[in-house]
Amino acid sequence: MSEYDDSPIEFPCDFPIKAMGRAGVDFEATVRTLIGEYADEARAGIKIAESRNGRFVSVTVTVRATSRAQLDDIYRALHAHDDVLMTL
């Protein structure tokens, strides 16, 4: 029995990952590179949205998740990067 056996998510599945950062840097490329280390390219495209005042940007990438460990690796990589302020 692994630590992930009680996960409510059934794998494989399409899973959206959202990262938020400051506008003005190539944030989309950063997010794509970080996620690309652990998952194939986006399944449903990449969605980008700027904040109302244009200071922040969110990037949502839907990946084909194969395990909870894979998702944990993606979120750890995103959290470790200085340009990523928040993830959902």
C-alpha atoms as a PDB file:
ATOM      1  CA  MET A   1       0.000   0.000   0.000  1.00  0.00           C
ATOM      2  CA  SER A   2       1.511   3.317  -1.071  1.00  0.00           C
ATOM      3  CA  GLU A   3       0.912   6.743   0.410  1.00  0.00           C
ATOM      4  CA  TYR A   4      -1.199   7.605  -2.663  1.00  0.00           C
ATOM      5  CA  ASP A   5      -3.681   4.719  -2.482  1.00  0.00           C
ATOM      6  CA  ASP A   6      -6.339   6.924  -0.882  1.00  0.00           C
ATOM      7  CA  SER A   7      -6.245   9.586  -3.619  1.00  0.00           C
ATOM      8  CA  PRO A   8      -9.736  10.659  -4.749  1.00  0.00           C
ATOM      9  CA  ILE A   9      -8.385  11.175  -8.270  1.00  0.00           C
ATOM     10  CA  GLU A  10      -8.568   8.271 -10.698  1.00  0.00           C
ATOM     11  CA  PHE A  11      -5.539   8.050 -12.968  1.00  0.00           C
ATOM     12  CA  PRO A  12      -4.897   8.572 -15.783  1.00  0.00           C
ATOM     13  CA  CYS A  13      -6.920  11.758 -16.150  1.00  0.00           C
ATOM     14  CA  ASP A  14      -6.781  15.236 -17.664  1.00  0.00           C
ATOM     15  CA  PHE A  15      -5.786  17.597 -14.867  1.00  0.00           C
ATOM     16  CA  PRO A  16      -5.642  21.421 -15.033  1.00  0.00           C
ATOM     17  CA  ILE A  17      -2.698  23.092 -13.315  1.00  0.00           C
ATOM     18  CA  LYS A  18      -2.794  26.866 -12.798  1.00  0.00           C
ATOM     19  CA  ALA A  19       0.238  28.968 -11.930  1.00  0.00           C
ATOM     20  CA  MET A  20       0.259  32.690 -11.227  1.00  0.00           C
ATOM     21  CA  GLY A  21       3.139  35.125 -11.545  1.00  0.00           C
ATOM     22  CA  ARG A  22       4.064  38.689 -12.424  1.00  0.00           C
ATOM     23  CA  ALA A  23       3.417  40.006 -15.918  1.00  0.00           C
ATOM     24  CA  GLY A  24       6.349  41.260 -17.932  1.00  0.00           C
ATOM     25  CA  VAL A  25       8.465  38.117 -17.784  1.00  0.00           C
ATOM     26  CA  ASP A  26       7.940  35.233 -20.179  1.00  0.00           C
ATOM     27  CA  PHE A  27       5.880  33.468 -17.539  1.00  0.00           C
ATOM     28  CA  GLU A  28       4.100  31.165 -19.991  1.00  0.00           C
ATOM     29  CA  ALA A  29       7.421  29.746 -21.199  1.00  0.00           C
ATOM     30  CA  THR A  30       8.589  29.242 -17.620  1.00  0.00           C
ATOM     31  CA  VAL A  31       5.442  27.320 -16.679  1.00  0.00           C
ATOM     32  CA  ARG A  32       5.538  25.229 -19.866  1.00  0.00           C
ATOM     33  CA  THR A  33       9.175  24.315 -19.273  1.00  0.00           C
ATOM     34  CA  LEU A  34       8.620  23.354 -15.629  1.00  0.00           C
ATOM     35  CA  ILE A  35       5.548  21.244 -16.368  1.00  0.00           C
ATOM     36  CA  GLY A  36       7.165  19.774 -19.493  1.00  0.00           C
ATOM     37  CA  GLU A  37       9.801  18.105 -17.337  1.00  0.00           C
ATOM     38  CA  TYR A  38       7.118  15.829 -15.884  1.00  0.00           C
ATOM     39  CA  ALA A  39       4.261  15.689 -18.404  1.00  0.00           C
ATOM     40  CA  ASP A  40       3.547  15.877 -22.113  1.00  0.00           C
ATOM     41  CA  GLU A  41       2.407  19.101 -23.723  1.00  0.00           C
ATOM     42  CA  ALA A  42      -0.974  20.530 -22.785  1.00  0.00           C
ATOM     43  CA  ARG A  43      -3.960  18.376 -23.720  1.00  0.00           C
ATOM     44  CA  ALA A  44      -6.512  21.137 -24.051  1.00  0.00           C
ATOM     45  CA  GLY A  45      -4.287  24.054 -24.890  1.00  0.00           C
ATOM     46  CA  ILE A  46      -2.895  26.673 -22.606  1.00  0.00           C
ATOM     47  CA  LYS A  47      -5.072  29.388 -21.151  1.00  0.00           C
ATOM     48  CA  ILE A  48      -3.548  32.722 -20.199  1.00  0.00           C
ATOM     49  CA  ALA A  49      -5.299  35.475 -18.283  1.00  0.00           C
ATOM     50  CA  GLU A  50      -4.005  38.830 -17.079  1.00  0.00           C
ATOM     51  CA  SER A  51      -5.148  40.465 -13.873  1.00  0.00           C
ATOM     52  CA  ARG A  52      -7.422  43.469 -14.071  1.00  0.00           C
ATOM     53  CA  ASN A  53      -4.546  45.893 -13.576  1.00  0.00           C
ATOM     54  CA  GLY A  54      -2.143  43.919 -15.800  1.00  0.00           C
ATOM     55  CA  ARG A  55       0.464  43.322 -13.081  1.00  0.00           C
ATOM     56  CA  PHE A  56      -0.084  39.568 -12.821  1.00  0.00           C
ATOM     57  CA  VAL A  57      -0.756  36.694 -15.192  1.00  0.00           C
ATOM     58  CA  SER A  58      -2.145  33.195 -14.734  1.00  0.00           C
ATOM     59  CA  VAL A  59      -1.284  30.248 -16.947  1.00  0.00           C
ATOM     60  CA  THR A  60      -3.453  27.124 -16.916  1.00  0.00           C
ATOM     61  CA  VAL A  61      -2.057  23.965 -18.485  1.00  0.00           C
ATOM     62  CA  THR A  62      -4.124  20.790 -18.695  1.00  0.00           C
ATOM     63  CA  VAL A  63      -1.902  17.703 -18.603  1.00  0.00           C
ATOM     64  CA  ARG A  64      -2.571  13.986 -18.850  1.00  0.00           C
ATOM     65  CA  ALA A  65      -1.783  12.997 -15.266  1.00  0.00           C
ATOM     66  CA  THR A  66      -0.700   9.414 -14.770  1.00  0.00           C
ATOM     67  CA  SER A  67      -0.145   9.399 -10.994  1.00  0.00           C
ATOM     68  CA  ARG A  68      -0.359  11.434  -7.817  1.00  0.00           C
ATOM     69  CA  ALA A  69       3.440  11.330  -7.589  1.00  0.00           C
ATOM     70  CA  GLN A  70       3.658  12.989 -11.023  1.00  0.00           C
ATOM     71  CA  LEU A  71       1.325  15.807  -9.911  1.00  0.00           C
ATOM     72  CA  ASP A  72       3.295  16.261  -6.696  1.00  0.00           C
ATOM     73  CA  ASP A  73       6.525  16.564  -8.720  1.00  0.00           C
ATOM     74  CA  ILE A  74       4.949  19.200 -10.975  1.00  0.00           C
ATOM     75  CA  TYR A  75       3.688  21.265  -8.042  1.00  0.00           C
ATOM     76  CA  ARG A  76       7.053  21.011  -6.235  1.00  0.00           C
ATOM     77  CA  ALA A  77       8.856  22.265  -9.359  1.00  0.00           C
ATOM     78  CA  LEU A  78       6.434  25.166  -9.743  1.00  0.00           C
ATOM     79  CA  HIS A  79       6.656  26.152  -6.065  1.00  0.00           C
ATOM     80  CA  ALA A  80      10.456  26.084  -6.167  1.00  0.00           C
ATOM     81  CA  HIS A  81      10.674  28.615  -9.024  1.00  0.00           C
ATOM     82  CA  ASP A  82      11.045  32.283  -8.041  1.00  0.00           C
ATOM     83  CA  ASP A  83       8.683  33.565 -10.764  1.00  0.00           C
ATOM     84  CA  VAL A  84       5.749  31.427  -9.573  1.00  0.00           C
ATOM     85  CA  LEU A  85       3.790  33.230  -6.880  1.00  0.00           C
ATOM     86  CA  MET A  86       0.902  30.795  -6.452  1.00  0.00           C
ATOM     87  CA  THR A  87      -0.497  27.554  -7.851  1.00  0.00           C
ATOM     88  CA  LEU A  88      -3.925  25.960  -7.920  1.00  0.00           C
END
